[in-house]
C-alpha atoms as a PDB file:
ATOM      1  CA  UNK A   1     113.509 178.256 143.634  1.00  0.00           C
ATOM      2  CA  UNK A   2     114.769 174.741 144.538  1.00  0.00           C
ATOM      3  CA  UNK A   3     111.176 173.558 144.526  1.00  0.00           C
ATOM      4  CA  UNK A   4     110.613 175.130 141.213  1.00  0.00           C
ATOM      5  CA  UNK A   5     113.594 173.480 139.774  1.00  0.00           C
ATOM      6  CA  UNK A   6     112.748 170.063 141.263  1.00  0.00           C
ATOM      7  CA  UNK A   7     109.110 170.350 139.751  1.00  0.00           C
ATOM      8  CA  UNK A   8     110.597 171.210 136.371  1.00  0.00           C
ATOM      9  CA  UNK A   9     113.148 168.601 136.417  1.00  0.00           C
ATOM     10  CA  UNK A  10     110.673 165.997 137.714  1.00  0.00           C
ATOM     11  CA  UNK A  11     108.541 166.512 134.543  1.00  0.00           C
ATOM     12  CA  UNK A  12     110.791 164.556 132.142  1.00  0.00           C
ATOM     13  CA  UNK A  13     111.209 161.772 134.678  1.00  0.00           C
ATOM     14  CA  UNK A  14     107.495 161.166 134.941  1.00  0.00           C
ATOM     15  CA  UNK A  15     107.350 161.126 131.155  1.00  0.00           C
ATOM     16  CA  UNK A  16     110.087 158.641 130.943  1.00  0.00           C
ATOM     17  CA  UNK A  17     108.558 156.484 133.668  1.00  0.00           C
ATOM     18  CA  UNK A  18     105.240 156.501 131.702  1.00  0.00           C
ATOM     19  CA  UNK A  19     106.905 155.776 128.460  1.00  0.00           C
ATOM     20  CA  UNK A  20     108.853 152.752 130.270  1.00  0.00           C
ATOM     21  CA  UNK A  21     105.570 151.546 131.813  1.00  0.00           C
ATOM     22  CA  UNK A  22     103.686 151.651 128.400  1.00  0.00           C
ATOM     23  CA  UNK A  23     106.607 149.746 126.656  1.00  0.00           C
ATOM     24  CA  UNK A  24     106.335 147.178 129.557  1.00  0.00           C
ATOM     25  CA  UNK A  25     102.585 146.879 129.154  1.00  0.00           C
ATOM     26  CA  UNK A  26     102.954 146.418 125.448  1.00  0.00           C
ATOM     27  CA  UNK A  27     105.654 143.819 125.760  1.00  0.00           C
ATOM     28  CA  UNK A  28     103.444 142.005 128.392  1.00  0.00           C
ATOM     29  CA  UNK A  29     100.414 142.236 126.191  1.00  0.00           C
ATOM     30  CA  UNK A  30     102.375 140.760 123.145  1.00  0.00           C
ATOM     31  CA  UNK A  31     103.692 138.006 125.394  1.00  0.00           C
ATOM     32  CA  UNK A  32     100.228 137.184 126.574  1.00  0.00           C
ATOM     33  CA  UNK A  33      99.005 137.271 123.032  1.00  0.00           C
ATOM     34  CA  UNK A  34     101.733 134.952 121.843  1.00  0.00           C
ATOM     35  CA  UNK A  35     101.008 132.684 124.711  1.00  0.00           C
ATOM     36  CA  UNK A  36      97.379 132.666 124.025  1.00  0.00           C
ATOM     37  CA  UNK A  37      98.062 131.880 120.272  1.00  0.00           C
ATOM     38  CA  UNK A  38     100.406 129.046 121.359  1.00  0.00           C
ATOM     39  CA  UNK A  39      97.665 127.704 123.588  1.00  0.00           C
ATOM     40  CA  UNK A  40      95.052 128.023 120.888  1.00  0.00           C
ATOM     41  CA  UNK A  41      97.011 125.879 118.449  1.00  0.00           C
ATOM     42  CA  UNK A  42      96.040 122.371 118.827  1.00  0.00           C
ATOM     43  CA  UNK A  43      98.653 119.672 119.312  1.00  0.00           C
ATOM     44  CA  UNK A  44      98.297 115.957 118.611  1.00  0.00           C
ATOM     45  CA  UNK A  45     100.379 112.904 118.918  1.00  0.00           C
ATOM     46  CA  UNK A  46     100.468 110.560 115.918  1.00  0.00           C
ATOM     47  CA  UNK A  47     101.786 107.156 116.933  1.00  0.00           C
ATOM     48  CA  UNK A  48     102.497 104.010 114.548  1.00  0.00           C
ATOM     49  CA  UNK A  49     104.056 100.706 115.551  1.00  0.00           C
ATOM     50  CA  UNK A  50     106.890 101.160 113.003  1.00  0.00           C
ATOM     51  CA  UNK A  51     107.976 103.139 109.924  1.00  0.00           C
ATOM     52  CA  UNK A  52     109.703 100.068 108.582  1.00  0.00           C
ATOM     53  CA  UNK A  53     106.299  99.187 106.976  1.00  0.00           C
ATOM     54  CA  UNK A  54     105.562 101.417 104.072  1.00  0.00           C
ATOM     55  CA  UNK A  55     101.861 101.848 105.118  1.00  0.00           C
ATOM     56  CA  UNK A  56     102.569 103.387 108.489  1.00  0.00           C
ATOM     57  CA  UNK A  57     105.400 105.598 107.145  1.00  0.00           C
ATOM     58  CA  UNK A  58     103.044 107.084 104.566  1.00  0.00           C
ATOM     59  CA  UNK A  59     100.373 107.447 107.282  1.00  0.00           C
ATOM     60  CA  UNK A  60     102.468 109.506 109.431  1.00  0.00           C
ATOM     61  CA  UNK A  61     103.321 111.774 106.470  1.00  0.00           C
ATOM     62  CA  UNK A  62      99.677 112.182 105.798  1.00  0.00           C
ATOM     63  CA  UNK A  63      98.992 112.975 109.294  1.00  0.00           C
ATOM     64  CA  UNK A  64     101.443 115.822 109.176  1.00  0.00           C
ATOM     65  CA  UNK A  65      99.922 117.226 105.938  1.00  0.00           C
ATOM     66  CA  UNK A  66      96.412 117.031 107.225  1.00  0.00           C
ATOM     67  CA  UNK A  67      97.376 118.545 110.588  1.00  0.00           C
ATOM     68  CA  UNK A  68      99.249 121.412 108.929  1.00  0.00           C
ATOM     69  CA  UNK A  69      96.237 122.416 106.752  1.00  0.00           C
ATOM     70  CA  UNK A  70      94.164 122.621 109.821  1.00  0.00           C
ATOM     71  CA  UNK A  71      96.529 124.514 112.026  1.00  0.00           C
ATOM     72  CA  UNK A  72      97.231 121.437 114.219  1.00  0.00           C
ATOM     73  CA  UNK A  73     100.813 120.696 115.312  1.00  0.00           C
ATOM     74  CA  UNK A  74     101.296 116.947 114.796  1.00  0.00           C
ATOM     75  CA  UNK A  75     104.094 115.313 116.890  1.00  0.00           C
ATOM     76  CA  UNK A  76     104.919 111.919 115.050  1.00  0.00           C
ATOM     77  CA  UNK A  77     106.085 108.877 116.914  1.00  0.00           C
ATOM     78  CA  UNK A  78     107.514 105.582 115.844  1.00  0.00           C
ATOM     79  CA  UNK A  79     107.097 102.900 118.491  1.00  0.00           C
ATOM     80  CA  UNK A  80     109.748 100.676 116.673  1.00  0.00           C
ATOM     81  CA  UNK A  81     107.483  97.637 117.439  1.00  0.00           C
ATOM     82  CA  UNK A  82     108.335  98.021 121.095  1.00  0.00           C
ATOM     83  CA  UNK A  83     105.280  97.850 123.413  1.00  0.00           C
ATOM     84  CA  UNK A  84     107.329  99.486 126.291  1.00  0.00           C
ATOM     85  CA  UNK A  85     108.413 102.287 123.898  1.00  0.00           C
ATOM     86  CA  UNK A  86     104.749 102.774 122.896  1.00  0.00           C
ATOM     87  CA  UNK A  87     103.544 103.011 126.420  1.00  0.00           C
ATOM     88  CA  UNK A  88     106.188 105.504 127.341  1.00  0.00           C
ATOM     89  CA  UNK A  89     105.349 107.457 124.279  1.00  0.00           C
ATOM     90  CA  UNK A  90     101.775 107.623 125.360  1.00  0.00           C
ATOM     91  CA  UNK A  91     102.724 108.805 128.846  1.00  0.00           C
ATOM     92  CA  UNK A  92     104.971 111.491 127.301  1.00  0.00           C
ATOM     93  CA  UNK A  93     102.139 112.804 125.200  1.00  0.00           C
ATOM     94  CA  UNK A  94      99.964 113.035 128.241  1.00  0.00           C
ATOM     95  CA  UNK A  95     102.772 114.948 130.093  1.00  0.00           C
ATOM     96  CA  UNK A  96     102.830 117.390 127.121  1.00  0.00           C
ATOM     97  CA  UNK A  97      99.138 117.779 127.463  1.00  0.00           C
ATOM     98  CA  UNK A  98      98.389 117.482 123.829  1.00  0.00           C
ATOM     99  CA  UNK A  99      94.789 117.879 122.702  1.00  0.00           C
ATOM    100  CA  UNK A 100      94.479 114.201 121.524  1.00  0.00           C
ATOM    101  CA  UNK A 101      96.431 111.066 120.613  1.00  0.00           C
ATOM    102  CA  UNK A 102      95.800 109.291 117.379  1.00  0.00           C
ATOM    103  CA  UNK A 103      97.454 105.867 117.297  1.00  0.00           C
ATOM    104  CA  UNK A 104      97.921 102.688 115.398  1.00  0.00           C
ATOM    105  CA  UNK A 105      98.842 100.344 118.153  1.00  0.00           C
ATOM    106  CA  UNK A 106     101.162  97.333 118.325  1.00  0.00           C
ATOM    107  CA  UNK A 107      98.524  95.259 120.178  1.00  0.00           C
ATOM    108  CA  UNK A 108      95.321  96.611 121.515  1.00  0.00           C
ATOM    109  CA  UNK A 109      95.540  94.256 124.515  1.00  0.00           C
ATOM    110  CA  UNK A 110      98.903  95.564 125.729  1.00  0.00           C
ATOM    111  CA  UNK A 111      98.196  99.270 124.857  1.00  0.00           C
ATOM    112  CA  UNK A 112      94.728  99.365 126.593  1.00  0.00           C
ATOM    113  CA  UNK A 113      96.276 100.437 130.036  1.00  0.00           C
ATOM    114  CA  UNK A 114      98.282 103.413 128.765  1.00  0.00           C
ATOM    115  CA  UNK A 115      95.519 104.453 126.511  1.00  0.00           C
ATOM    116  CA  UNK A 116      92.953 104.345 129.271  1.00  0.00           C
ATOM    117  CA  UNK A 117      95.300 106.381 131.458  1.00  0.00           C
ATOM    118  CA  UNK A 118      95.499 109.056 128.768  1.00  0.00           C
ATOM    119  CA  UNK A 119      91.796 109.198 128.708  1.00  0.00           C
ATOM    120  CA  UNK A 120      91.533 109.438 132.263  1.00  0.00           C
ATOM    121  CA  UNK A 121      93.884 112.422 132.250  1.00  0.00           C
ATOM    122  CA  UNK A 122      91.346 114.077 129.759  1.00  0.00           C
ATOM    123  CA  UNK A 123      93.159 113.316 126.572  1.00  0.00           C
ATOM    124  CA  UNK A 124      91.053 111.713 123.840  1.00  0.00           C
ATOM    125  CA  UNK A 125      92.494 108.680 122.285  1.00  0.00           C
ATOM    126  CA  UNK A 126      91.562 107.977 118.694  1.00  0.00           C
ATOM    127  CA  UNK A 127      92.455 104.429 117.521  1.00  0.00           C
ATOM    128  CA  UNK A 128      93.339 103.822 113.838  1.00  0.00           C
ATOM    129  CA  UNK A 129      92.978 100.472 112.127  1.00  0.00           C
ATOM    130  CA  UNK A 130      90.679  98.727 114.406  1.00  0.00           C
ATOM    131  CA  UNK A 131      86.960  98.470 114.402  1.00  0.00           C
ATOM    132  CA  UNK A 132      84.779  98.741 117.664  1.00  0.00           C
ATOM    133  CA  UNK A 133      83.676  95.177 117.335  1.00  0.00           C
ATOM    134  CA  UNK A 134      87.234  94.182 117.955  1.00  0.00           C
ATOM    135  CA  UNK A 135      88.425  96.967 120.130  1.00  0.00           C
ATOM    136  CA  UNK A 136      85.908  99.160 121.826  1.00  0.00           C
ATOM    137  CA  UNK A 137      87.793 100.946 124.600  1.00  0.00           C
ATOM    138  CA  UNK A 138      88.896 104.059 122.629  1.00  0.00           C
ATOM    139  CA  UNK A 139      87.323 107.405 122.442  1.00  0.00           C
ATOM    140  CA  UNK A 140      86.658 106.790 118.788  1.00  0.00           C
ATOM    141  CA  UNK A 141      88.062 104.551 116.048  1.00  0.00           C
ATOM    142  CA  UNK A 142      88.985 105.636 112.451  1.00  0.00           C
ATOM    143  CA  UNK A 143      89.923 103.614 109.502  1.00  0.00           C
ATOM    144  CA  UNK A 144      88.659 101.285 107.088  1.00  0.00           C
ATOM    145  CA  UNK A 145      86.129  98.241 107.208  1.00  0.00           C
ATOM    146  CA  UNK A 146      87.852  94.946 107.163  1.00  0.00           C
ATOM    147  CA  UNK A 147      84.881  93.364 105.366  1.00  0.00           C
ATOM    148  CA  UNK A 148      84.936  95.988 102.573  1.00  0.00           C
ATOM    149  CA  UNK A 149      88.585  95.753 102.135  1.00  0.00           C
ATOM    150  CA  UNK A 150      88.452  92.091 101.667  1.00  0.00           C
ATOM    151  CA  UNK A 151      85.400  92.450  99.404  1.00  0.00           C
ATOM    152  CA  UNK A 152      87.187  94.784  96.951  1.00  0.00           C
ATOM    153  CA  UNK A 153      90.209  92.288  96.762  1.00  0.00           C
ATOM    154  CA  UNK A 154      87.778  89.476  96.058  1.00  0.00           C
ATOM    155  CA  UNK A 155      85.839  91.343  93.391  1.00  0.00           C
ATOM    156  CA  UNK A 156      89.221  92.031  91.543  1.00  0.00           C
ATOM    157  CA  UNK A 157      90.064  88.463  91.490  1.00  0.00           C
ATOM    158  CA  UNK A 158      86.498  87.722  90.314  1.00  0.00           C
ATOM    159  CA  UNK A 159      86.832  90.404  87.483  1.00  0.00           C
ATOM    160  CA  UNK A 160      89.993  88.821  86.391  1.00  0.00           C
ATOM    161  CA  UNK A 161      88.726  85.255  86.319  1.00  0.00           C
ATOM    162  CA  UNK A 162      85.699  86.406  84.190  1.00  0.00           C
ATOM    163  CA  UNK A 163      88.381  87.425  81.629  1.00  0.00           C
ATOM    164  CA  UNK A 164      90.806  84.676  81.859  1.00  0.00           C
ATOM    165  CA  UNK A 165      88.572  81.724  82.714  1.00  0.00           C
ATOM    166  CA  UNK A 166      85.119  82.738  81.223  1.00  0.00           C
ATOM    167  CA  UNK A 167      84.038  79.036  80.247  1.00  0.00           C
ATOM    168  CA  UNK A 168      85.305  77.280  83.362  1.00  0.00           C
ATOM    169  CA  UNK A 169      82.416  75.513  85.353  1.00  0.00           C
ATOM    170  CA  UNK A 170      84.573  75.084  88.347  1.00  0.00           C
ATOM    171  CA  UNK A 171      87.537  77.363  89.420  1.00  0.00           C
ATOM    172  CA  UNK A 172      90.307  76.536  91.691  1.00  0.00           C
ATOM    173  CA  UNK A 173      91.276  79.507  94.083  1.00  0.00           C
ATOM    174  CA  UNK A 174      93.546  79.720  97.023  1.00  0.00           C
ATOM    175  CA  UNK A 175      93.193  81.930 100.008  1.00  0.00           C
ATOM    176  CA  UNK A 176      96.043  83.445 101.899  1.00  0.00           C
ATOM    177  CA  UNK A 177      94.689  84.578 105.191  1.00  0.00           C
ATOM    178  CA  UNK A 178      95.672  85.387 108.752  1.00  0.00           C
ATOM    179  CA  UNK A 179      93.591  83.367 111.316  1.00  0.00           C
ATOM    180  CA  UNK A 180      95.189  84.877 114.485  1.00  0.00           C
ATOM    181  CA  UNK A 181      93.066  88.101 114.310  1.00  0.00           C
ATOM    182  CA  UNK A 182      89.305  88.412 114.048  1.00  0.00           C
ATOM    183  CA  UNK A 183      89.738  91.350 111.801  1.00  0.00           C
ATOM    184  CA  UNK A 184      91.689  89.599 109.200  1.00  0.00           C
ATOM    185  CA  UNK A 185      89.324  86.632 109.404  1.00  0.00           C
ATOM    186  CA  UNK A 186      86.559  89.002 108.372  1.00  0.00           C
ATOM    187  CA  UNK A 187      88.747  90.245 105.595  1.00  0.00           C
ATOM    188  CA  UNK A 188      89.359  87.000 104.001  1.00  0.00           C
ATOM    189  CA  UNK A 189      85.906  85.672 104.456  1.00  0.00           C
ATOM    190  CA  UNK A 190      84.631  88.808 102.661  1.00  0.00           C
ATOM    191  CA  UNK A 191      87.047  88.116  99.805  1.00  0.00           C
ATOM    192  CA  UNK A 192      85.995  84.545  99.399  1.00  0.00           C
ATOM    193  CA  UNK A 193      82.341  85.463  99.242  1.00  0.00           C
ATOM    194  CA  UNK A 194      83.127  88.302  96.649  1.00  0.00           C
ATOM    195  CA  UNK A 195      85.066  85.796  94.426  1.00  0.00           C
ATOM    196  CA  UNK A 196      82.216  83.161  94.551  1.00  0.00           C
ATOM    197  CA  UNK A 197      79.342  85.812  93.769  1.00  0.00           C
ATOM    198  CA  UNK A 198      81.422  87.788  91.395  1.00  0.00           C
ATOM    199  CA  UNK A 199      82.262  84.924  89.164  1.00  0.00           C
ATOM    200  CA  UNK A 200      78.868  83.013  89.568  1.00  0.00           C
ATOM    201  CA  UNK A 201      80.931  79.828  89.141  1.00  0.00           C
ATOM    202  CA  UNK A 202      81.589  77.089  91.598  1.00  0.00           C
ATOM    203  CA  UNK A 203      84.778  77.841  93.438  1.00  0.00           C
ATOM    204  CA  UNK A 204      86.952  75.186  94.713  1.00  0.00           C
ATOM    205  CA  UNK A 205      88.980  76.491  97.543  1.00  0.00           C
ATOM    206  CA  UNK A 206      92.103  74.352  97.198  1.00  0.00           C
ATOM    207  CA  UNK A 207      93.640  75.993 100.295  1.00  0.00           C
ATOM    208  CA  UNK A 208      92.981  78.486 103.068  1.00  0.00           C
ATOM    209  CA  UNK A 209      95.899  79.073 105.354  1.00  0.00           C
ATOM    210  CA  UNK A 210      98.089  81.642 107.219  1.00  0.00           C
ATOM    211  CA  UNK A 211     100.130  83.819 104.939  1.00  0.00           C
ATOM    212  CA  UNK A 212     100.622  87.503 105.675  1.00  0.00           C
ATOM    213  CA  UNK A 213     104.189  87.493 104.299  1.00  0.00           C
ATOM    214  CA  UNK A 214     105.978  86.956 100.882  1.00  0.00           C
ATOM    215  CA  UNK A 215     107.578  83.849 102.222  1.00  0.00           C
ATOM    216  CA  UNK A 216     104.440  82.304 103.615  1.00  0.00           C
ATOM    217  CA  UNK A 217     102.622  83.139 100.432  1.00  0.00           C
ATOM    218  CA  UNK A 218     105.097  81.531  98.341  1.00  0.00           C
ATOM    219  CA  UNK A 219     105.141  78.281 100.600  1.00  0.00           C
ATOM    220  CA  UNK A 220     101.412  78.088 100.531  1.00  0.00           C
ATOM    221  CA  UNK A 221     101.131  78.410  96.787  1.00  0.00           C
ATOM    222  CA  UNK A 222     104.186  76.107  96.182  1.00  0.00           C
ATOM    223  CA  UNK A 223     102.589  73.400  98.281  1.00  0.00           C
ATOM    224  CA  UNK A 224      99.214  73.757  96.592  1.00  0.00           C
ATOM    225  CA  UNK A 225     100.457  73.453  93.164  1.00  0.00           C
ATOM    226  CA  UNK A 226     101.838  69.957  93.960  1.00  0.00           C
ATOM    227  CA  UNK A 227      98.347  68.487  93.893  1.00  0.00           C
ATOM    228  CA  UNK A 228      96.649  71.467  92.060  1.00  0.00           C
ATOM    229  CA  UNK A 229      98.839  72.058  89.002  1.00  0.00           C
ATOM    230  CA  UNK A 230      95.978  73.928  87.449  1.00  0.00           C
ATOM    231  CA  UNK A 231      95.606  76.457  90.106  1.00  0.00           C
ATOM    232  CA  UNK A 232      95.870  80.020  88.844  1.00  0.00           C
ATOM    233  CA  UNK A 233      94.077  82.225  91.246  1.00  0.00           C
ATOM    234  CA  UNK A 234      94.887  83.430  94.751  1.00  0.00           C
ATOM    235  CA  UNK A 235      93.181  86.056  96.933  1.00  0.00           C
ATOM    236  CA  UNK A 236      95.069  87.336  99.960  1.00  0.00           C
ATOM    237  CA  UNK A 237      94.961  89.625 103.022  1.00  0.00           C
ATOM    238  CA  UNK A 238      97.934  91.675 101.884  1.00  0.00           C
ATOM    239  CA  UNK A 239     100.356  92.612  98.997  1.00  0.00           C
ATOM    240  CA  UNK A 240     103.115  90.647 100.565  1.00  0.00           C
ATOM    241  CA  UNK A 241     101.226  87.414 100.161  1.00  0.00           C
ATOM    242  CA  UNK A 242     100.315  88.377  96.480  1.00  0.00           C
ATOM    243  CA  UNK A 243     103.953  88.896  95.720  1.00  0.00           C
ATOM    244  CA  UNK A 244     104.830  85.410  97.436  1.00  0.00           C
ATOM    245  CA  UNK A 245     102.065  83.753  95.455  1.00  0.00           C
ATOM    246  CA  UNK A 246     103.458  85.207  92.203  1.00  0.00           C
ATOM    247  CA  UNK A 247     106.978  83.971  92.955  1.00  0.00           C
ATOM    248  CA  UNK A 248     105.665  80.451  93.551  1.00  0.00           C
ATOM    249  CA  UNK A 249     103.770  80.403  90.169  1.00  0.00           C
ATOM    250  CA  UNK A 250     106.776  81.861  88.217  1.00  0.00           C
ATOM    251  CA  UNK A 251     109.105  79.150  89.967  1.00  0.00           C
ATOM    252  CA  UNK A 252     106.727  76.573  88.588  1.00  0.00           C
ATOM    253  CA  UNK A 253     107.043  77.851  85.132  1.00  0.00           C
ATOM    254  CA  UNK A 254     103.523  79.156  84.975  1.00  0.00           C
ATOM    255  CA  UNK A 255     102.965  82.382  82.803  1.00  0.00           C
ATOM    256  CA  UNK A 256     101.703  85.337  84.964  1.00  0.00           C
ATOM    257  CA  UNK A 257      99.392  86.173  81.996  1.00  0.00           C
ATOM    258  CA  UNK A 258      97.250  83.230  83.218  1.00  0.00           C
ATOM    259  CA  UNK A 259      97.244  84.454  86.843  1.00  0.00           C
ATOM    260  CA  UNK A 260      94.515  86.310  88.827  1.00  0.00           C
ATOM    261  CA  UNK A 261      96.040  87.581  92.010  1.00  0.00           C
ATOM    262  CA  UNK A 262      94.752  90.386  94.232  1.00  0.00           C
ATOM    263  CA  UNK A 263      94.963  91.680  97.782  1.00  0.00           C
ATOM    264  CA  UNK A 264      94.654  94.958  99.809  1.00  0.00           C
ATOM    265  CA  UNK A 265      97.384  97.460 100.705  1.00  0.00           C
ATOM    266  CA  UNK A 266      98.704  99.177  97.585  1.00  0.00           C
ATOM    267  CA  UNK A 267     102.416  98.854  98.384  1.00  0.00           C
ATOM    268  CA  UNK A 268     104.831 100.487  96.080  1.00  0.00           C
ATOM    269  CA  UNK A 269     106.441  97.152  94.888  1.00  0.00           C
ATOM    270  CA  UNK A 270     103.243  95.581  94.162  1.00  0.00           C
ATOM    271  CA  UNK A 271     102.112  98.404  91.917  1.00  0.00           C
ATOM    272  CA  UNK A 272     105.116  97.635  89.685  1.00  0.00           C
ATOM    273  CA  UNK A 273     103.878  93.982  89.357  1.00  0.00           C
ATOM    274  CA  UNK A 274     100.227  95.519  88.527  1.00  0.00           C
ATOM    275  CA  UNK A 275     101.685  97.902  85.894  1.00  0.00           C
ATOM    276  CA  UNK A 276     103.460  95.028  84.029  1.00  0.00           C
ATOM    277  CA  UNK A 277     100.430  92.713  84.351  1.00  0.00           C
ATOM    278  CA  UNK A 278     101.821  90.172  86.536  1.00  0.00           C
ATOM    279  CA  UNK A 279      99.495  90.701  89.519  1.00  0.00           C
ATOM    280  CA  UNK A 280      95.878  91.827  88.687  1.00  0.00           C
ATOM    281  CA  UNK A 281      95.132  94.214  91.545  1.00  0.00           C
ATOM    282  CA  UNK A 282      95.547  95.691  94.997  1.00  0.00           C
ATOM    283  CA  UNK A 283      93.255  97.992  97.163  1.00  0.00           C
ATOM    284  CA  UNK A 284      94.499 101.358  98.324  1.00  0.00           C
ATOM    285  CA  UNK A 285      93.623 101.902 101.923  1.00  0.00           C
ATOM    286  CA  UNK A 286      93.433 105.736 101.449  1.00  0.00           C
ATOM    287  CA  UNK A 287      96.126 106.977 103.858  1.00  0.00           C
ATOM    288  CA  UNK A 288      95.086 110.721 103.170  1.00  0.00           C
ATOM    289  CA  UNK A 289      91.457 109.977 103.835  1.00  0.00           C
ATOM    290  CA  UNK A 290      92.266 108.288 107.147  1.00  0.00           C
ATOM    291  CA  UNK A 291      94.618 111.298 108.056  1.00  0.00           C
ATOM    292  CA  UNK A 292      91.879 114.011 107.132  1.00  0.00           C
ATOM    293  CA  UNK A 293      89.151 112.065 108.992  1.00  0.00           C
ATOM    294  CA  UNK A 294      91.487 111.707 111.959  1.00  0.00           C
ATOM    295  CA  UNK A 295      92.389 115.388 112.155  1.00  0.00           C
ATOM    296  CA  UNK A 296      88.742 116.302 111.669  1.00  0.00           C
ATOM    297  CA  UNK A 297      88.012 114.096 114.778  1.00  0.00           C
ATOM    298  CA  UNK A 298      90.666 115.904 116.640  1.00  0.00           C
ATOM    299  CA  UNK A 299      89.033 119.299 115.858  1.00  0.00           C
ATOM    300  CA  UNK A 300      85.744 117.971 117.073  1.00  0.00           C
ATOM    301  CA  UNK A 301      86.916 116.546 120.469  1.00  0.00           C
ATOM    302  CA  UNK A 302      88.821 119.750 121.044  1.00  0.00           C
ATOM    303  CA  UNK A 303      85.390 121.467 120.965  1.00  0.00           C
ATOM    304  CA  UNK A 304      84.046 119.137 123.537  1.00  0.00           C
ATOM    305  CA  UNK A 305      81.982 117.252 120.983  1.00  0.00           C
ATOM    306  CA  UNK A 306      81.263 113.513 121.205  1.00  0.00           C
ATOM    307  CA  UNK A 307      82.715 111.623 118.246  1.00  0.00           C
ATOM    308  CA  UNK A 308      81.477 108.474 116.623  1.00  0.00           C
ATOM    309  CA  UNK A 309      82.598 105.108 117.835  1.00  0.00           C
ATOM    310  CA  UNK A 310      83.828 104.405 114.329  1.00  0.00           C
ATOM    311  CA  UNK A 311      84.588 106.597 111.432  1.00  0.00           C
ATOM    312  CA  UNK A 312      85.011 104.850 108.050  1.00  0.00           C
ATOM    313  CA  UNK A 313      86.910 105.867 105.033  1.00  0.00           C
ATOM    314  CA  UNK A 314      86.526 104.774 101.506  1.00  0.00           C
ATOM    315  CA  UNK A 315      89.058 102.701  99.687  1.00  0.00           C
ATOM    316  CA  UNK A 316      90.051 102.263  96.102  1.00  0.00           C
ATOM    317  CA  UNK A 317      90.580  99.343  93.790  1.00  0.00           C
ATOM    318  CA  UNK A 318      93.854  99.670  91.983  1.00  0.00           C
ATOM    319  CA  UNK A 319      94.269  97.824  88.618  1.00  0.00           C
ATOM    320  CA  UNK A 320      96.417  98.281  85.559  1.00  0.00           C
ATOM    321  CA  UNK A 321      93.856 100.824  84.258  1.00  0.00           C
ATOM    322  CA  UNK A 322      94.490 103.270  87.218  1.00  0.00           C
ATOM    323  CA  UNK A 323      97.764 102.245  88.769  1.00  0.00           C
ATOM    324  CA  UNK A 324      99.474 105.218  87.076  1.00  0.00           C
ATOM    325  CA  UNK A 325      97.643 107.461  89.641  1.00  0.00           C
ATOM    326  CA  UNK A 326     100.225 106.261  92.178  1.00  0.00           C
ATOM    327  CA  UNK A 327     104.048 106.166  92.067  1.00  0.00           C
ATOM    328  CA  UNK A 328     105.571 102.909  90.852  1.00  0.00           C
ATOM    329  CA  UNK A 329     109.201 103.853  91.464  1.00  0.00           C
END
């Protein structure tokens, strides 16, 4: 009888144990499934030198948008123009075992060691804003052609000069460059060729010197106007130089309606000057295009595919005719 009772009472215990075991197995399966899903989601570090510069702040936002649309977690990092911080950020990304690093570096020479350590650890390093002819150590490079960027700005100045100085046999033009980097030398050289070819006129280059900032652009044009009071055109490597050039012309009492000024970048402030006709044009560097291409490269390398040494994006000329397509406030 006791055995009978024991057997009868044992039935519910077995059932309960089976139920508990099933619950544990279900929970374990769900946990494994969740872990697998987390493992399957790609993660990438997106690093920029500083978010104080509009270009890089916008680029980080575009990386996040492009990553989200592809199911990629994007960890954004601002190096704050500090090479040591940049190096430690790259090391942190390696420790996190992200699937790739996409970076605009402060200085390729000082960033190379950290980047190579990441690649040695099996993490692809995709370099933004540098072409392989300048920096060839990355897994792949993504961005714009410096020559095409300069060409677009030069074409804008040429288009403007054909409108404003159609009968001139010789036209005076200034060139605001940045001789320290081979990439920016290619950019301004392409601008000069585009001005010359686009106008079909003899171009007298009254100055070609380092600019890169509003202050230096102002100084370069102010100095040139002392001996070339009929100077009305400047092509530059960036919008800061363009705005400095405009300030110099206006300080000299020259009507902006006479001017032909253009450069790459498409900064918010310069678009205001384009909208009111004081600066002829800029060149949009296509942040969204860069981000999309970069995230596509991340998907490719995560599958074990070899990516190109350089992936280019198209750029867009911005003038008064189309500047409304971008915010001006």
